[in-house]
Every structure is written in C-alpha cells, then in structure tokens.
N, C-alpha and C. Protein backbone atom coordinates (compact mmCIF):
# COMPACT_ATOMS: atom_id res chain seq x y z
N MET A 1 -32.84 83.83 -133.02
CA MET A 1 -33.61 85.39 -133.35
C MET A 1 -33.93 85.31 -132.22
N THR A 2 -34.08 86.86 -133.03
CA THR A 2 -34.98 87.77 -131.41
C THR A 2 -36.86 87.15 -131.17
N THR A 3 -36.65 88.28 -129.96
CA THR A 3 -38.15 87.90 -129.65
C THR A 3 -38.81 88.93 -129.29
N ARG A 4 -39.77 89.09 -129.40
CA ARG A 4 -40.55 90.64 -128.58
C ARG A 4 -40.82 90.34 -127.62
N ASP A 5 -39.83 89.79 -126.81
CA ASP A 5 -39.00 90.01 -125.06
C ASP A 5 -38.10 90.54 -125.24
N ASP A 6 -36.99 89.97 -126.17
CA ASP A 6 -35.78 90.61 -126.82
C ASP A 6 -35.94 92.25 -126.66
N LEU A 7 -37.29 92.09 -127.91
CA LEU A 7 -36.95 93.99 -127.62
C LEU A 7 -37.71 94.24 -126.66
N TYR A 8 -38.82 93.70 -125.47
CA TYR A 8 -39.45 94.86 -124.89
C TYR A 8 -38.22 95.70 -124.00
N ARG A 9 -36.80 93.86 -123.43
CA ARG A 9 -36.67 94.44 -123.25
C ARG A 9 -35.04 95.23 -123.11
N LEU A 10 -34.39 95.20 -124.20
CA LEU A 10 -33.75 96.78 -125.12
C LEU A 10 -34.44 97.09 -124.99
N VAL A 11 -35.65 97.78 -125.52
CA VAL A 11 -36.70 99.72 -125.41
C VAL A 11 -36.24 99.67 -123.58
N ASP A 12 -36.29 98.99 -122.72
CA ASP A 12 -36.90 98.71 -121.15
C ASP A 12 -34.87 99.84 -121.53
N GLN A 13 -33.84 98.92 -121.75
CA GLN A 13 -32.94 99.79 -121.31
C GLN A 13 -32.41 100.89 -122.06
N LEU A 14 -32.85 101.49 -122.42
CA LEU A 14 -33.67 103.17 -123.49
C LEU A 14 -32.45 104.45 -122.51
N ARG A 15 -32.04 105.51 -122.96
CA ARG A 15 -31.90 106.93 -122.29
C ARG A 15 -33.34 107.31 -123.27
N PRO A 16 -33.66 107.84 -121.23
CA PRO A 16 -35.03 108.79 -122.49
C PRO A 16 -34.42 110.34 -123.27
N GLU A 17 -34.01 110.16 -123.68
CA GLU A 17 -33.32 111.39 -124.35
C GLU A 17 -32.94 110.19 -126.48
N THR A 18 -33.24 109.25 -125.89
CA THR A 18 -32.81 109.00 -127.15
C THR A 18 -34.98 107.72 -127.67
N LEU A 19 -35.29 108.09 -127.25
CA LEU A 19 -36.40 107.27 -127.50
C LEU A 19 -37.15 107.96 -128.78
N ASP A 20 -37.53 108.83 -129.37
CA ASP A 20 -38.16 109.24 -130.27
C ASP A 20 -37.03 108.50 -131.30
N ASP A 21 -36.06 108.86 -131.38
CA ASP A 21 -35.08 107.84 -132.63
C ASP A 21 -35.12 106.42 -132.11
N ALA A 22 -35.24 106.05 -131.13
CA ALA A 22 -35.61 104.34 -131.31
C ALA A 22 -36.95 104.42 -131.95
N ALA A 23 -37.78 105.37 -131.17
CA ALA A 23 -39.84 104.74 -131.97
C ALA A 23 -39.33 104.72 -133.28
N ALA A 24 -38.91 105.96 -133.78
CA ALA A 24 -38.67 106.20 -135.59
C ALA A 24 -37.89 104.94 -136.09
N ALA A 25 -36.95 104.59 -135.56
CA ALA A 25 -36.20 103.98 -136.47
C ALA A 25 -37.05 102.39 -136.33
N LEU A 26 -38.24 102.31 -135.51
CA LEU A 26 -38.89 101.06 -135.56
C LEU A 26 -40.42 101.59 -135.82
N ARG A 27 -40.29 102.02 -136.13
CA ARG A 27 -41.97 102.21 -136.51
C ARG A 27 -42.21 102.95 -138.26
N GLN A 28 -40.69 102.12 -138.35
CA GLN A 28 -40.89 101.61 -139.94
C GLN A 28 -40.91 100.10 -140.41
N TYR A 29 -41.10 100.12 -140.09
CA TYR A 29 -41.05 98.00 -139.42
C TYR A 29 -43.00 97.64 -139.27
N ALA A 30 -43.41 98.55 -138.40
CA ALA A 30 -44.60 98.54 -138.25
C ALA A 30 -45.66 98.85 -139.18
N PRO A 31 -47.31 98.02 -139.92
CA PRO A 31 -47.55 98.26 -140.66
C PRO A 31 -48.42 99.83 -140.62
N ALA A 32 -49.09 100.13 -141.69
CA ALA A 32 -48.55 102.00 -141.75
C ALA A 32 -49.84 101.63 -140.65
N GLY A 33 -50.51 102.55 -140.89
CA GLY A 33 -51.94 102.71 -138.75
C GLY A 33 -51.78 101.72 -137.47
N ALA A 34 -50.76 101.23 -137.89
CA ALA A 34 -50.87 100.46 -136.52
C ALA A 34 -50.78 101.23 -135.43
N SER A 35 -51.27 101.73 -134.13
CA SER A 35 -50.84 101.88 -132.80
C SER A 35 -50.55 100.91 -131.99
N GLU A 36 -52.19 100.55 -131.43
CA GLU A 36 -52.43 99.85 -130.64
C GLU A 36 -53.28 98.23 -131.14
N PRO A 37 -52.89 97.02 -130.23
CA PRO A 37 -53.91 96.83 -130.96
C PRO A 37 -55.45 96.46 -131.18
N PRO A 38 -55.96 96.40 -131.38
CA PRO A 38 -57.48 96.20 -131.36
C PRO A 38 -57.94 95.93 -130.10
N PHE A 39 -58.43 96.05 -129.36
CA PHE A 39 -59.31 95.70 -128.18
C PHE A 39 -60.91 94.59 -128.76
N PRO A 40 -61.04 93.92 -127.49
CA PRO A 40 -62.27 93.22 -127.90
C PRO A 40 -63.33 93.67 -127.90
N ALA A 41 -64.42 93.35 -128.85
CA ALA A 41 -66.16 94.07 -128.80
C ALA A 41 -66.53 94.57 -127.26
N SER A 42 -65.84 93.84 -126.63
CA SER A 42 -66.36 93.39 -124.62
C SER A 42 -66.55 94.72 -124.30
N VAL A 43 -65.05 95.06 -124.33
CA VAL A 43 -64.29 95.98 -123.96
C VAL A 43 -64.68 97.46 -124.06
N GLY A 44 -65.65 97.61 -123.17
CA GLY A 44 -66.13 99.41 -122.73
C GLY A 44 -67.18 99.76 -123.05
N ALA A 45 -68.14 97.69 -122.83
CA ALA A 45 -69.60 97.34 -122.82
C ALA A 45 -69.92 97.52 -121.44
N VAL A 46 -69.76 98.35 -120.76
CA VAL A 46 -70.15 98.04 -119.07
C VAL A 46 -68.90 100.15 -118.97
N SER A 47 -69.59 101.08 -119.98
CA SER A 47 -68.95 101.82 -119.71
C SER A 47 -69.20 102.44 -118.66
N GLU A 48 -71.20 103.28 -118.53
CA GLU A 48 -71.72 103.39 -117.24
C GLU A 48 -72.32 102.23 -115.83
N ALA A 49 -71.37 101.96 -115.58
CA ALA A 49 -71.66 100.53 -115.26
C ALA A 49 -72.09 101.50 -113.25
N PRO A 50 -71.89 101.41 -111.94
CA PRO A 50 -72.24 101.96 -110.91
C PRO A 50 -70.42 101.74 -110.04
N ALA A 51 -70.13 102.53 -109.61
CA ALA A 51 -68.08 102.14 -109.58
C ALA A 51 -67.90 101.80 -108.35
N ASP A 52 -69.03 100.70 -108.19
CA ASP A 52 -68.44 100.00 -106.61
C ASP A 52 -69.05 98.32 -107.87
N LEU A 53 -69.33 98.48 -108.95
CA LEU A 53 -69.25 97.46 -109.16
C LEU A 53 -68.61 96.42 -108.96
N ALA A 54 -67.09 95.98 -109.25
CA ALA A 54 -66.57 95.47 -109.09
C ALA A 54 -66.71 94.83 -107.61
N THR A 55 -66.32 95.87 -106.92
CA THR A 55 -66.86 95.28 -105.32
C THR A 55 -68.46 94.52 -105.27
N ASN A 56 -69.79 94.97 -106.14
CA ASN A 56 -70.50 94.18 -105.51
C ASN A 56 -71.24 93.16 -106.55
N VAL A 57 -70.50 92.46 -107.70
CA VAL A 57 -70.56 91.70 -108.98
C VAL A 57 -71.57 91.24 -108.33
N ASP A 58 -71.47 90.17 -107.62
CA ASP A 58 -72.76 89.40 -106.96
C ASP A 58 -74.16 89.46 -106.81
N ASN A 59 -74.07 90.77 -106.25
CA ASN A 59 -75.08 91.89 -105.88
C ASN A 59 -75.98 91.76 -107.19
N TYR A 60 -75.42 93.35 -107.59
CA TYR A 60 -75.92 92.92 -108.90
C TYR A 60 -76.47 92.22 -109.60
N LEU A 61 -75.94 91.11 -110.46
CA LEU A 61 -76.24 90.36 -110.67
C LEU A 61 -77.24 89.73 -110.64
N ALA A 62 -77.25 89.04 -109.15
CA ALA A 62 -78.70 88.55 -108.71
C ALA A 62 -79.75 89.34 -109.24
N GLU A 63 -79.36 90.55 -108.96
CA GLU A 63 -81.04 91.48 -109.98
C GLU A 63 -81.41 92.21 -111.24
N GLY A 64 -80.13 91.34 -111.75
CA GLY A 64 -79.88 91.55 -112.60
C GLY A 64 -79.43 92.00 -113.86
N PHE A 65 -78.56 92.24 -113.29
CA PHE A 65 -77.82 93.02 -114.07
C PHE A 65 -77.29 93.88 -115.23
N GLY A 66 -77.89 94.53 -116.28
CA GLY A 66 -77.38 94.22 -117.35
C GLY A 66 -78.58 94.09 -118.36
N GLN A 67 -79.76 93.81 -118.09
CA GLN A 67 -81.08 93.10 -118.71
C GLN A 67 -81.87 94.41 -119.12
C-alpha cells in the first residue's frame, strides 16, 4: 500500500522540468476545488498584533491583550 510519505518522497525526487506533468497526473485524483487543506478558524485571528508579540507574549497577556 502506498502512503502519503511514499508520494512525498517521489515528489522530492522529480526533476524540475517534469513538475507540470506530475501535477497534472495527480490533479485528476484530487477532489474538485481542492487546493490546500483548510486552516482552522483561529489562523489569522491576531493579524494586527504588534511585531514583538512572540517575544513579549507574557507582558501582553498580563496587560489584557485581546480584551
């Protein structure tokens, strides 16, 4: 049985000039309209966060960030 990991390894071995043909061959097995897995609703929830949020998360949470 072929696993996704098997397919990923095969894709990693493709020559650049064959990518279009390989994608066309695989596309026939993907559901119509499927391009990328959907992201959880929480992704992008903090799109206007300060640039230093990751560094100072404890400080922002202590101040009531997001309330």
